[in-house]
Amino acid sequence: MEKRALLAVVLSLLVLFLYQYIIEKSRKTPIDTRPPKSDIVLPDQKETIDFGQEEETFREVRDGKPFIKRQEIIGEERDISVITELYEAVFTNHGAKLKSWKLRKYKDKTGQDAHEIELIAAQKSKEYSLGLVLSKTDYLDLNEAVFETDSNSMSLMEAWEQGSISFSWTSPEGIEVIKKFTFYADRYLVDIDISIANLSDMRLKENTIFSWKRELDPKKGGDRFSFTGPVSLINGELEEIKVKKIKEDMLYSGEIKWAGYGDKYFISSIIPKKTQNTRLRISKSSTDVISVDIIEPIELNYGEKAKYGYSLYCGPKDIDILKAVGADLQKALNFGWFDMIAKPLLLFLKFINGITNNYGVAIILLTVVIKIVFFPLTHHSYKSMKDMQKVQPLMAKLKKKYKDDKEKLNREIMALYRTHKVNPLSGCLPMILQIPVFFALYKALMGSIELRHAPFIFWIKDLSAKDPSYITPVLMGASMFIQQKMTPTMGDPMQAKVMLAMPIIFTFMFLNFPSGLVIYWLVNNILSIGQQLYINKYTA
């Protein structure tokens, strides 16, 4: 039955791979999908707001000239830098936008020639993030407006430090916009406060659009075992939108807690302070720039002011850091079906690492703990297999005696089981119960940023990468072969041939798996061999 359980593991692995390649392709459909330039009715508005046309109230004429006009850009572009122990950010005064964000504690690879991770890819299109526009008025397209700043740079190196930089601009017609960014030395979080004041003699009624931009890099392919693309949390549900499926503007309504762009290890996310009357738009331009737009209504009479608040998180998908941010941002770390098991295992792994300060050792200790927890089940399973092995000769005789009477054969076999107090399922079920834990740990180790570039010993410098010398996969295959030889055989020649090939198949499968996952499987096999030796010696 152990071999049947192992076959179940193989089949489950195939199911997992099918899940990665097929099931995940059919993701949730948008809550509200409409073609570009469609009409959107906001909950608190009776009239329809058209994204593609200007309202007649803005077609006033002053001194014989049209009131609506684009601001003429006068002013040299200037960069404003912010540096902390965690990141280095660069803003531009053109549009008060973010043009660079580098993570100082994370590198693109191991080695001396490694570079800091850049969460904003090289912008050939010059479409930078955190730009603000109003949906219909040309003169309030703020992407190229030249803002005044109250600081040219900022350095926050002590954990308790925080500081802010304000960008301000006033249109010729009297629309004042202030964007204030507050930075914290010990967080990957920026608070953003936006103030729009109507100092003109006109009525302002439309939508503000606050955007995160991501220019796709054709040289960087995605990880087939993880998601890369626009991601958001809407009505408590995680929405992951594959880039290739973005053919036209995708519009979402509901409680939008956050939205942004994520990959296997990092995420950039805008978190609106208010979730009512907020919409989300995902789009892709002809220059392959992904836009994640937070859309909110604005209605200002003469002399009135409106305020909008957001937070920006640009950092690692570390479960503890994400939880500390709030807004359920930890849901961005998605382990699929096994999420409820994988996250507690990951938290326990981090706890062990806090003691050992080595994730390789932490994986070994975690494997030992899991083995201890499941010891009664596996012990019962091994014992049941030995009991089944004892009745195999009697079953062979019954099969020969009643080979022409299947009904009689089944009755005699059941009587044999009752006489010898054995259950053919008791050896298999305990092993199957462990499969969800294995897959949950598999998902956690495959997608955990904690293992990224984490060294173990000697030749293993990165637990998230394959073993460069292939030593651990070969040892894992050898341990599987030894374990197979020790496992009681059930007398099925075809099954025996399949089981003989399994160590070879698994060895090749694990050659390119993260070394952390291979170490888990290897240690688990070694512990299983020890357990089998114990049962063979002390179980009659």
Protein backbone atom coordinates (compact mmCIF):
# COMPACT_ATOMS: atom_id res chain seq x y z
CA MET A 1 0.00 0.00 0.00
CA GLU A 2 2.98 2.29 0.52
CA LYS A 3 3.62 2.00 -3.19
CA ARG A 4 0.00 2.93 -3.91
CA ALA A 5 0.40 5.91 -1.64
CA LEU A 6 3.54 6.89 -3.50
CA LEU A 7 1.64 6.54 -6.77
CA ALA A 8 -0.95 8.86 -5.28
CA VAL A 9 1.82 11.36 -4.60
CA VAL A 10 2.97 11.12 -8.23
CA LEU A 11 -0.57 11.60 -9.52
CA SER A 12 -1.02 14.52 -7.15
CA LEU A 13 2.17 16.09 -8.47
CA LEU A 14 0.77 15.80 -11.97
CA VAL A 15 -2.45 17.42 -10.75
CA LEU A 16 -0.39 20.25 -9.26
CA PHE A 17 1.42 20.86 -12.55
CA LEU A 18 -1.90 20.76 -14.42
CA TYR A 19 -3.21 23.27 -11.89
CA GLN A 20 -0.27 25.56 -12.64
CA TYR A 21 -0.62 25.30 -16.43
CA ILE A 22 -4.35 24.90 -17.05
CA ILE A 23 -6.62 25.78 -14.13
CA GLU A 24 -4.88 29.04 -13.26
CA LYS A 25 -5.33 30.19 -16.85
CA SER A 26 -9.05 30.55 -16.23
CA ARG A 27 -8.96 33.30 -13.64
CA LYS A 28 -11.89 35.33 -12.39
CA THR A 29 -13.67 37.57 -14.83
CA PRO A 30 -13.80 41.28 -14.03
CA ILE A 31 -16.69 42.52 -11.96
CA ASP A 32 -17.51 45.17 -14.53
CA THR A 33 -15.85 44.88 -17.93
CA ARG A 34 -16.64 47.49 -20.59
CA PRO A 35 -14.97 48.69 -23.77
CA PRO A 36 -12.68 51.75 -23.74
CA LYS A 37 -14.30 55.19 -23.42
CA SER A 38 -17.48 53.67 -22.02
CA ASP A 39 -19.92 55.48 -19.77
CA ILE A 40 -19.54 54.81 -16.03
CA VAL A 41 -22.26 55.76 -13.57
CA LEU A 42 -20.89 56.39 -10.11
CA PRO A 43 -23.12 55.29 -7.20
CA ASP A 44 -23.79 58.81 -5.89
CA GLN A 45 -24.34 60.44 -9.27
CA LYS A 46 -27.49 60.45 -11.32
CA GLU A 47 -25.90 61.57 -14.55
CA THR A 48 -23.56 59.58 -16.76
CA ILE A 49 -19.89 60.48 -16.81
CA ASP A 50 -18.24 59.94 -20.17
CA PHE A 51 -14.48 59.24 -20.09
CA GLY A 52 -14.01 60.23 -23.69
CA GLN A 53 -15.80 63.57 -23.97
CA GLU A 54 -15.65 66.92 -22.26
CA GLU A 55 -18.69 68.32 -20.45
CA GLU A 56 -20.38 71.37 -21.93
CA THR A 57 -19.90 73.28 -18.65
CA PHE A 58 -16.19 73.51 -19.55
CA ARG A 59 -16.81 75.03 -22.95
CA GLU A 60 -17.20 78.54 -21.61
CA VAL A 61 -15.64 81.42 -23.52
CA ARG A 62 -13.59 84.16 -21.88
CA ASP A 63 -12.44 87.27 -23.71
CA GLY A 64 -13.48 85.64 -26.96
CA LYS A 65 -11.24 82.59 -26.42
CA PRO A 66 -12.11 78.98 -25.44
CA PHE A 67 -11.75 78.45 -21.70
CA ILE A 68 -10.31 74.93 -21.98
CA LYS A 69 -6.66 74.81 -22.94
CA ARG A 70 -3.52 72.79 -22.22
CA GLN A 71 -0.94 74.33 -19.94
CA GLU A 72 2.22 75.33 -21.76
CA ILE A 73 5.14 73.58 -20.11
CA ILE A 74 7.76 76.05 -18.95
CA GLY A 75 10.51 74.75 -16.73
CA GLU A 76 13.39 72.35 -16.71
CA GLU A 77 12.83 68.85 -15.41
CA ARG A 78 14.39 68.28 -12.04
CA ASP A 79 14.86 65.07 -10.02
CA ILE A 80 14.13 64.83 -6.30
CA SER A 81 15.80 61.90 -4.52
CA VAL A 82 14.79 60.12 -1.32
CA ILE A 83 17.09 57.57 0.29
CA THR A 84 16.55 55.31 3.30
CA GLU A 85 18.14 52.09 4.55
CA LEU A 86 15.46 50.17 2.64
CA TYR A 87 15.12 51.95 -0.70
CA GLU A 88 16.20 54.78 -2.95
CA ALA A 89 13.46 56.69 -4.80
CA VAL A 90 13.66 59.35 -7.49
CA PHE A 91 10.77 61.72 -8.27
CA THR A 92 10.44 64.22 -11.10
CA ASN A 93 8.90 67.68 -10.76
CA HIS A 94 7.16 67.12 -14.12
CA GLY A 95 3.85 65.78 -12.91
CA ALA A 96 5.18 65.09 -9.38
CA LYS A 97 5.69 61.47 -10.43
CA LEU A 98 7.88 58.57 -9.34
CA LYS A 99 10.47 57.54 -11.92
CA SER A 100 12.69 55.14 -9.96
CA TRP A 101 12.43 52.90 -6.90
CA LYS A 102 15.37 50.67 -5.96
CA LEU A 103 15.38 48.17 -3.10
CA ARG A 104 18.71 48.45 -1.32
CA LYS A 105 18.49 45.13 0.56
CA TYR A 106 17.58 42.96 -2.44
CA LYS A 107 19.80 42.17 -5.43
CA ASP A 108 18.94 40.82 -8.85
CA LYS A 109 21.38 37.91 -8.35
CA THR A 110 24.10 36.64 -6.07
CA GLY A 111 27.74 37.63 -6.48
CA GLN A 112 29.80 40.81 -6.53
CA ASP A 113 28.34 42.04 -9.83
CA ALA A 114 24.78 42.02 -8.48
CA HIS A 115 22.61 45.13 -8.76
CA GLU A 116 19.81 46.45 -6.60
CA ILE A 117 16.29 45.38 -7.54
CA GLU A 118 14.50 48.11 -9.53
CA LEU A 119 10.74 47.89 -9.09
CA ILE A 120 10.16 50.45 -11.82
CA ALA A 121 11.56 49.04 -15.06
CA ALA A 122 13.52 51.21 -17.50
CA GLN A 123 11.00 53.72 -18.80
CA LYS A 124 11.57 54.25 -22.52
CA SER A 125 8.02 55.56 -22.74
CA LYS A 126 8.60 58.10 -19.91
CA GLU A 127 5.22 57.10 -18.47
CA TYR A 128 6.04 57.31 -14.79
CA SER A 129 4.00 56.24 -11.78
CA LEU A 130 1.84 58.17 -9.29
CA GLY A 131 0.67 60.60 -11.96
CA LEU A 132 -2.65 62.36 -11.41
CA VAL A 133 -5.05 63.48 -14.11
CA LEU A 134 -8.64 64.59 -14.31
CA SER A 135 -10.61 62.57 -16.76
CA LYS A 136 -11.78 65.14 -19.32
CA THR A 137 -10.08 68.51 -19.00
CA ASP A 138 -6.93 69.10 -21.03
CA TYR A 139 -5.73 71.92 -18.79
CA LEU A 140 -5.74 69.54 -15.80
CA ASP A 141 -3.68 66.81 -17.44
CA LEU A 142 -1.04 67.02 -14.71
CA ASN A 143 1.43 64.53 -16.17
CA GLU A 144 3.68 67.30 -17.53
CA ALA A 145 2.74 70.15 -15.23
CA VAL A 146 5.86 71.67 -13.64
CA PHE A 147 5.43 71.41 -9.88
CA GLU A 148 7.20 73.46 -7.27
CA THR A 149 8.80 71.46 -4.43
CA ASP A 150 9.75 72.36 -0.88
CA SER A 151 12.81 70.07 -0.95
CA ASN A 152 15.26 68.73 -3.52
CA SER A 153 16.35 65.62 -1.61
CA MET A 154 15.82 63.70 1.60
CA SER A 155 17.87 61.16 3.56
CA LEU A 156 16.32 59.03 6.34
CA MET A 157 18.84 56.64 7.86
CA GLU A 158 17.65 56.23 11.45
CA ALA A 159 14.74 53.85 12.08
CA TRP A 160 12.69 56.50 13.89
CA GLU A 161 13.04 59.15 11.17
CA GLN A 162 10.29 60.29 8.84
CA GLY A 163 9.90 63.25 6.51
CA SER A 164 7.71 64.69 3.77
CA ILE A 165 8.09 66.45 0.43
CA SER A 166 5.32 68.54 -1.09
CA PHE A 167 4.74 69.25 -4.77
CA SER A 168 2.42 72.13 -5.69
CA TRP A 169 1.09 73.56 -8.94
CA THR A 170 -1.65 76.01 -9.92
CA SER A 171 -3.19 76.12 -13.38
CA PRO A 172 -3.64 79.45 -15.19
CA GLU A 173 -7.38 79.16 -14.52
CA GLY A 174 -6.87 78.79 -10.75
CA ILE A 175 -7.00 75.04 -10.05
CA GLU A 176 -4.47 74.33 -7.27
CA VAL A 177 -3.02 70.83 -6.82
CA ILE A 178 -0.77 69.78 -3.92
CA LYS A 179 0.74 66.29 -3.65
CA LYS A 180 2.42 65.54 -0.34
CA PHE A 181 4.56 62.40 0.07
CA THR A 182 5.47 61.22 3.59
CA PHE A 183 8.37 58.76 3.91
CA TYR A 184 9.42 56.46 6.77
CA ALA A 185 12.94 55.18 7.31
CA ASP A 186 11.88 51.75 8.54
CA ARG A 187 9.07 50.98 6.07
CA TYR A 188 8.55 50.32 2.39
CA LEU A 189 5.46 52.51 2.73
CA VAL A 190 4.77 56.06 1.54
CA ASP A 191 1.69 58.04 2.56
CA ILE A 192 0.32 60.29 -0.18
CA ASP A 193 -2.04 63.20 0.49
CA ILE A 194 -3.53 65.03 -2.50
CA SER A 195 -5.38 68.32 -2.25
CA ILE A 196 -7.28 69.89 -5.15
CA ALA A 197 -8.68 73.39 -4.64
CA ASN A 198 -11.01 75.12 -7.06
CA LEU A 199 -9.87 78.76 -6.93
CA SER A 200 -11.50 79.54 -10.25
CA ASP A 201 -15.04 80.71 -10.94
CA MET A 202 -16.12 77.48 -12.61
CA ARG A 203 -17.66 74.23 -11.37
CA LEU A 204 -15.40 71.18 -11.45
CA LYS A 205 -17.15 67.81 -11.84
CA GLU A 206 -15.40 64.73 -13.20
CA ASN A 207 -13.00 61.97 -12.00
CA THR A 208 -9.50 61.94 -10.59
CA ILE A 209 -7.27 59.18 -11.96
CA PHE A 210 -4.26 58.16 -9.86
CA SER A 211 -2.00 55.68 -11.65
CA TRP A 212 0.71 53.10 -11.22
CA LYS A 213 2.63 52.44 -14.46
CA ARG A 214 4.68 49.39 -15.38
CA GLU A 215 6.56 49.19 -18.67
CA LEU A 216 6.89 45.57 -19.76
CA ASP A 217 10.40 44.29 -20.32
CA PRO A 218 10.46 41.82 -23.25
CA LYS A 219 13.81 40.46 -22.06
CA LYS A 220 12.38 39.28 -18.76
CA GLY A 221 10.13 36.26 -18.93
CA GLY A 222 7.77 35.31 -16.13
CA ASP A 223 8.12 32.37 -13.80
CA ARG A 224 5.81 29.60 -14.96
CA PHE A 225 5.19 28.57 -11.34
CA SER A 226 4.17 32.06 -10.17
CA PHE A 227 2.09 35.03 -11.27
CA THR A 228 3.40 38.29 -12.74
CA GLY A 229 1.07 41.14 -13.69
CA PRO A 230 -1.63 43.50 -12.39
CA VAL A 231 -3.09 42.40 -9.08
CA SER A 232 -5.74 43.84 -6.76
CA LEU A 233 -8.00 43.02 -3.83
CA ILE A 234 -11.65 43.68 -4.68
CA ASN A 235 -14.51 42.80 -2.31
CA GLY A 236 -12.07 40.69 -0.30
CA GLU A 237 -11.13 38.56 -3.31
CA LEU A 238 -7.70 38.51 -4.96
CA GLU A 239 -7.76 39.42 -8.66
CA GLU A 240 -4.71 38.44 -10.73
CA ILE A 241 -4.93 39.58 -14.35
CA LYS A 242 -2.62 38.04 -16.90
CA VAL A 243 -1.02 40.66 -19.14
CA LYS A 244 -1.81 38.76 -22.33
CA LYS A 245 -5.52 38.92 -21.49
CA ILE A 246 -5.59 42.73 -21.36
CA LYS A 247 -6.98 43.50 -24.81
CA GLU A 248 -9.04 46.53 -23.81
CA ASP A 249 -9.70 48.61 -20.69
CA MET A 250 -10.84 46.41 -17.82
CA LEU A 251 -13.02 48.22 -15.27
CA TYR A 252 -13.81 47.01 -11.75
CA SER A 253 -16.16 48.29 -9.05
CA GLY A 254 -16.69 47.36 -5.43
CA GLU A 255 -14.52 47.67 -2.33
CA ILE A 256 -11.06 48.19 -3.80
CA LYS A 257 -8.62 47.80 -0.93
CA TRP A 258 -5.47 47.96 -3.07
CA ALA A 259 -4.24 47.56 -6.62
CA GLY A 260 -0.87 47.41 -8.32
CA TYR A 261 1.63 45.19 -10.06
CA GLY A 262 3.31 42.12 -8.60
CA ASP A 263 5.63 39.28 -9.45
CA LYS A 264 6.94 36.23 -7.63
CA TYR A 265 8.82 38.07 -4.90
CA PHE A 266 7.84 41.78 -4.99
CA ILE A 267 4.77 43.97 -5.28
CA SER A 268 4.04 47.66 -5.91
CA SER A 269 0.58 48.60 -4.70
CA ILE A 270 -1.56 51.71 -4.29
CA ILE A 271 -3.83 51.56 -1.24
CA PRO A 272 -6.68 54.11 -1.31
CA LYS A 273 -7.71 55.49 2.08
CA LYS A 274 -11.35 55.56 0.97
CA THR A 275 -12.88 52.60 -0.81
CA GLN A 276 -16.38 53.96 -1.46
CA ASN A 277 -17.14 55.38 -4.92
CA THR A 278 -13.75 54.09 -6.06
CA ARG A 279 -13.18 52.25 -9.30
CA LEU A 280 -10.25 50.42 -10.79
CA ARG A 281 -9.15 50.43 -14.43
CA ILE A 282 -6.49 48.11 -15.88
CA SER A 283 -5.20 48.88 -19.36
CA LYS A 284 -2.24 48.32 -21.68
CA SER A 285 -0.97 50.91 -24.14
CA SER A 286 0.43 50.38 -27.62
CA THR A 287 3.90 50.89 -26.11
CA ASP A 288 3.35 47.94 -23.71
CA VAL A 289 2.84 50.05 -20.61
CA ILE A 290 0.47 48.58 -18.03
CA SER A 291 -1.66 51.18 -16.22
CA VAL A 292 -3.35 50.44 -12.91
CA ASP A 293 -5.67 53.40 -12.32
CA ILE A 294 -7.56 54.28 -9.14
CA ILE A 295 -10.56 56.36 -10.21
CA GLU A 296 -12.48 58.58 -7.76
CA PRO A 297 -15.17 61.22 -8.38
CA ILE A 298 -14.54 64.91 -7.76
CA GLU A 299 -17.15 67.68 -7.59
CA LEU A 300 -16.02 71.15 -6.55
CA ASN A 301 -17.96 74.37 -6.68
CA TYR A 302 -16.25 77.72 -6.75
CA GLY A 303 -13.78 78.07 -3.87
CA GLU A 304 -14.12 74.48 -2.59
CA LYS A 305 -11.34 71.97 -1.85
CA ALA A 306 -11.18 68.15 -2.03
CA LYS A 307 -8.68 65.83 -0.36
CA TYR A 308 -7.63 62.31 -1.37
CA GLY A 309 -5.41 59.92 0.56
CA TYR A 310 -3.40 56.91 -0.61
CA SER A 311 -0.55 54.76 0.60
CA LEU A 312 2.09 53.25 -1.66
CA TYR A 313 3.78 49.97 -0.84
CA CYS A 314 6.82 49.03 -2.92
CA GLY A 315 8.69 46.11 -1.44
CA PRO A 316 9.06 42.39 -0.82
CA LYS A 317 6.21 39.92 -0.49
CA ASP A 318 7.30 39.12 3.05
CA ILE A 319 4.26 37.89 4.95
CA ASP A 320 5.13 39.73 8.19
CA ILE A 321 5.83 43.04 6.41
CA LEU A 322 2.66 42.77 4.32
CA LYS A 323 0.55 42.10 7.43
CA ALA A 324 2.01 45.15 9.15
CA VAL A 325 0.90 47.36 6.24
CA GLY A 326 -2.75 46.42 6.73
CA ALA A 327 -5.54 46.53 4.12
CA ASP A 328 -5.17 42.71 3.80
CA LEU A 329 -2.07 43.26 1.70
CA GLN A 330 -0.78 39.85 2.84
CA LYS A 331 -3.31 38.31 0.44
CA ALA A 332 -0.94 39.36 -2.34
CA LEU A 333 1.16 36.40 -1.20
CA ASN A 334 -0.99 33.74 -2.82
CA PHE A 335 -0.33 30.00 -2.48
CA GLY A 336 -3.51 28.96 -4.27
CA TRP A 337 -5.51 26.01 -2.96
CA PHE A 338 -3.01 25.35 -0.17
CA ASP A 339 -2.91 28.92 1.16
CA MET A 340 -4.44 28.06 4.56
CA ILE A 341 -1.76 25.44 5.23
CA ALA A 342 1.18 27.06 3.43
CA LYS A 343 1.13 30.38 5.30
CA PRO A 344 1.23 28.87 8.82
CA LEU A 345 4.08 26.60 7.67
CA LEU A 346 5.93 29.64 6.30
CA LEU A 347 5.43 31.55 9.55
CA PHE A 348 6.73 28.57 11.53
CA LEU A 349 9.71 28.29 9.18
CA LYS A 350 10.50 31.98 9.83
CA PHE A 351 10.21 31.37 13.57
CA ILE A 352 12.74 28.53 13.41
CA ASN A 353 15.05 30.64 11.27
CA GLY A 354 14.92 33.31 13.96
CA ILE A 355 16.67 30.78 16.20
CA THR A 356 19.02 29.09 13.71
CA ASN A 357 19.72 32.10 11.44
CA ASN A 358 19.99 29.61 8.55
CA TYR A 359 16.99 28.75 6.41
CA GLY A 360 18.57 25.46 5.29
CA VAL A 361 18.80 24.31 8.91
CA ALA A 362 15.28 25.70 9.50
CA ILE A 363 13.93 23.54 6.66
CA ILE A 364 15.56 20.44 8.15
CA LEU A 365 14.11 21.16 11.60
CA LEU A 366 10.69 21.89 10.13
CA THR A 367 10.81 18.54 8.30
CA VAL A 368 11.63 16.79 11.58
CA VAL A 369 8.70 18.51 13.31
CA ILE A 370 6.30 17.52 10.51
CA LYS A 371 7.60 13.95 10.66
CA ILE A 372 7.03 13.82 14.42
CA VAL A 373 3.48 15.18 14.03
CA PHE A 374 2.65 12.52 11.43
CA PHE A 375 4.59 9.73 13.15
CA PRO A 376 1.48 7.93 14.50
CA LEU A 377 -0.11 7.93 11.05
CA THR A 378 2.97 6.74 9.20
CA HIS A 379 3.70 4.17 11.91
CA HIS A 380 0.20 2.77 11.52
CA SER A 381 0.59 2.82 7.75
CA TYR A 382 3.88 0.89 7.75
CA LYS A 383 2.51 -1.65 10.23
CA SER A 384 -0.60 -2.17 8.10
CA MET A 385 1.56 -2.79 5.05
CA LYS A 386 3.54 -5.43 6.91
CA ASP A 387 0.31 -7.11 7.99
CA MET A 388 -0.95 -7.04 4.40
CA GLN A 389 2.33 -8.57 3.26
CA LYS A 390 1.76 -11.53 5.59
CA VAL A 391 -1.58 -12.42 4.00
CA GLN A 392 -0.29 -12.10 0.41
CA PRO A 393 0.44 -15.87 0.04
CA LEU A 394 -3.06 -16.72 1.26
CA MET A 395 -4.59 -14.20 -1.16
CA ALA A 396 -2.60 -15.73 -4.02
CA LYS A 397 -4.07 -19.15 -3.20
CA LEU A 398 -7.60 -17.74 -3.11
CA LYS A 399 -7.13 -16.02 -6.47
CA LYS A 400 -5.95 -19.28 -7.98
CA LYS A 401 -8.76 -21.31 -6.39
CA TYR A 402 -11.59 -18.93 -7.32
CA LYS A 403 -10.21 -17.48 -10.54
CA ASP A 404 -13.44 -18.28 -12.36
CA ASP A 405 -15.79 -17.01 -9.66
CA LYS A 406 -15.16 -13.32 -8.95
CA GLU A 407 -18.07 -12.98 -6.54
CA LYS A 408 -16.91 -15.92 -4.42
CA LEU A 409 -13.32 -14.64 -4.55
CA ASN A 410 -14.34 -11.22 -3.19
CA ARG A 411 -16.26 -12.85 -0.30
CA GLU A 412 -13.32 -15.06 0.60
CA ILE A 413 -10.87 -12.13 0.48
CA MET A 414 -13.09 -10.06 2.79
CA ALA A 415 -13.31 -13.04 5.17
CA LEU A 416 -9.50 -13.30 5.06
CA TYR A 417 -9.20 -9.63 6.01
CA ARG A 418 -11.57 -10.10 8.97
CA THR A 419 -9.78 -13.23 10.18
CA HIS A 420 -6.35 -11.60 10.17
CA LYS A 421 -7.70 -8.15 11.20
CA VAL A 422 -6.17 -6.25 8.31
CA ASN A 423 -7.54 -3.35 6.24
CA PRO A 424 -6.13 -2.69 2.75
CA LEU A 425 -6.95 1.01 3.05
CA SER A 426 -5.35 1.56 6.45
CA GLY A 427 -1.89 1.60 4.92
CA CYS A 428 -2.77 4.06 2.18
CA LEU A 429 -5.05 6.65 3.80
CA PRO A 430 -2.53 7.94 6.39
CA MET A 431 -0.07 8.62 3.57
CA ILE A 432 -2.70 10.41 1.48
CA LEU A 433 -3.59 12.66 4.44
CA GLN A 434 -0.01 14.00 4.34
CA ILE A 435 -0.18 15.00 0.67
CA PRO A 436 -1.86 18.43 1.29
CA VAL A 437 0.91 19.29 3.78
CA PHE A 438 3.57 18.33 1.24
CA PHE A 439 1.99 20.45 -1.48
CA ALA A 440 1.48 23.39 0.90
CA LEU A 441 5.15 23.27 1.88
CA TYR A 442 6.06 22.84 -1.79
CA LYS A 443 4.17 26.05 -2.64
CA ALA A 444 5.64 27.92 0.33
CA LEU A 445 9.23 26.94 -0.51
CA MET A 446 8.75 27.62 -4.24
CA GLY A 447 7.41 31.16 -3.71
CA SER A 448 8.95 32.33 -0.46
CA ILE A 449 11.11 35.45 -0.66
CA GLU A 450 12.74 34.35 2.59
CA LEU A 451 14.62 31.66 0.65
CA ARG A 452 15.59 34.03 -2.16
CA HIS A 453 19.41 34.22 -2.19
CA ALA A 454 19.49 32.58 1.26
CA PRO A 455 22.67 30.46 1.65
CA PHE A 456 22.80 27.05 3.30
CA ILE A 457 26.21 25.38 3.38
CA PHE A 458 29.25 25.06 1.13
CA TRP A 459 28.08 24.86 -2.49
CA ILE A 460 24.42 25.86 -1.86
CA LYS A 461 24.44 29.67 -1.94
CA ASP A 462 20.79 30.20 -2.85
CA LEU A 463 17.99 28.00 -1.46
CA SER A 464 15.54 29.40 -4.02
CA ALA A 465 17.71 28.20 -6.94
CA LYS A 466 18.57 24.71 -8.11
CA ASP A 467 21.53 22.86 -6.62
CA PRO A 468 24.36 23.86 -9.02
CA SER A 469 26.22 20.59 -8.41
CA TYR A 470 23.05 18.40 -8.45
CA ILE A 471 24.28 16.62 -5.31
CA THR A 472 21.04 16.93 -3.33
CA PRO A 473 18.74 15.70 -6.16
CA VAL A 474 20.96 12.64 -6.70
CA LEU A 475 21.01 11.90 -2.96
CA MET A 476 17.25 12.36 -2.90
CA GLY A 477 16.85 9.81 -5.72
CA ALA A 478 19.15 7.37 -3.92
CA SER A 479 17.17 7.73 -0.70
CA MET A 480 13.96 7.03 -2.61
CA PHE A 481 15.51 3.88 -4.06
CA ILE A 482 16.57 2.65 -0.59
CA GLN A 483 13.15 3.47 0.82
CA GLN A 484 11.52 1.55 -2.01
CA LYS A 485 13.66 -1.52 -1.38
CA MET A 486 12.67 -1.47 2.29
CA THR A 487 8.96 -1.13 1.61
CA PRO A 488 6.90 -4.34 1.70
CA THR A 489 5.99 -5.52 -1.81
CA MET A 490 2.42 -6.35 -2.70
CA GLY A 491 3.15 -8.88 -5.44
CA ASP A 492 1.94 -6.85 -8.44
CA PRO A 493 4.61 -7.15 -11.20
CA MET A 494 3.35 -4.13 -13.18
CA GLN A 495 3.23 -1.98 -10.05
CA ALA A 496 6.73 -3.15 -9.13
CA LYS A 497 8.07 -1.98 -12.51
CA VAL A 498 6.42 1.42 -12.11
CA MET A 499 7.85 1.81 -8.62
CA LEU A 500 11.31 0.85 -9.85
CA ALA A 501 11.27 3.80 -12.25
CA MET A 502 10.03 6.33 -9.70
CA PRO A 503 13.40 7.22 -8.11
CA ILE A 504 14.78 7.97 -11.58
CA ILE A 505 11.73 10.04 -12.57
CA PHE A 506 11.79 12.02 -9.33
CA THR A 507 15.53 12.64 -9.59
CA PHE A 508 15.12 14.24 -13.02
CA MET A 509 12.05 16.18 -11.85
CA PHE A 510 13.96 17.65 -8.91
CA LEU A 511 17.13 18.59 -10.80
CA ASN A 512 15.82 22.12 -11.45
CA PHE A 513 13.68 22.50 -8.33
CA PRO A 514 14.76 24.98 -5.63
CA SER A 515 17.42 23.37 -3.46
CA GLY A 516 15.37 24.22 -0.36
CA LEU A 517 12.53 22.01 -1.59
CA VAL A 518 14.94 19.20 -2.51
CA ILE A 519 16.49 19.36 0.98
CA TYR A 520 13.03 18.98 2.51
CA TRP A 521 12.27 15.90 0.39
CA LEU A 522 15.72 14.37 1.03
CA VAL A 523 15.47 14.79 4.81
CA ASN A 524 11.92 13.44 4.76
CA ASN A 525 13.13 10.32 2.92
CA ILE A 526 15.99 9.79 5.38
CA LEU A 527 13.62 10.07 8.34
CA SER A 528 11.22 7.65 6.64
CA ILE A 529 14.05 5.14 6.17
CA GLY A 530 14.87 5.41 9.89
CA GLN A 531 11.23 4.93 10.78
CA GLN A 532 10.99 1.88 8.54
CA LEU A 533 14.09 0.35 10.16
CA TYR A 534 12.52 0.87 13.56
CA ILE A 535 9.25 -0.79 12.51
CA ASN A 536 11.05 -3.73 10.87
CA LYS A 537 13.05 -4.31 14.03
CA TYR A 538 10.40 -3.86 16.72
CA THR A 539 7.15 -4.83 14.96
CA ALA A 540 6.42 -8.52 14.76
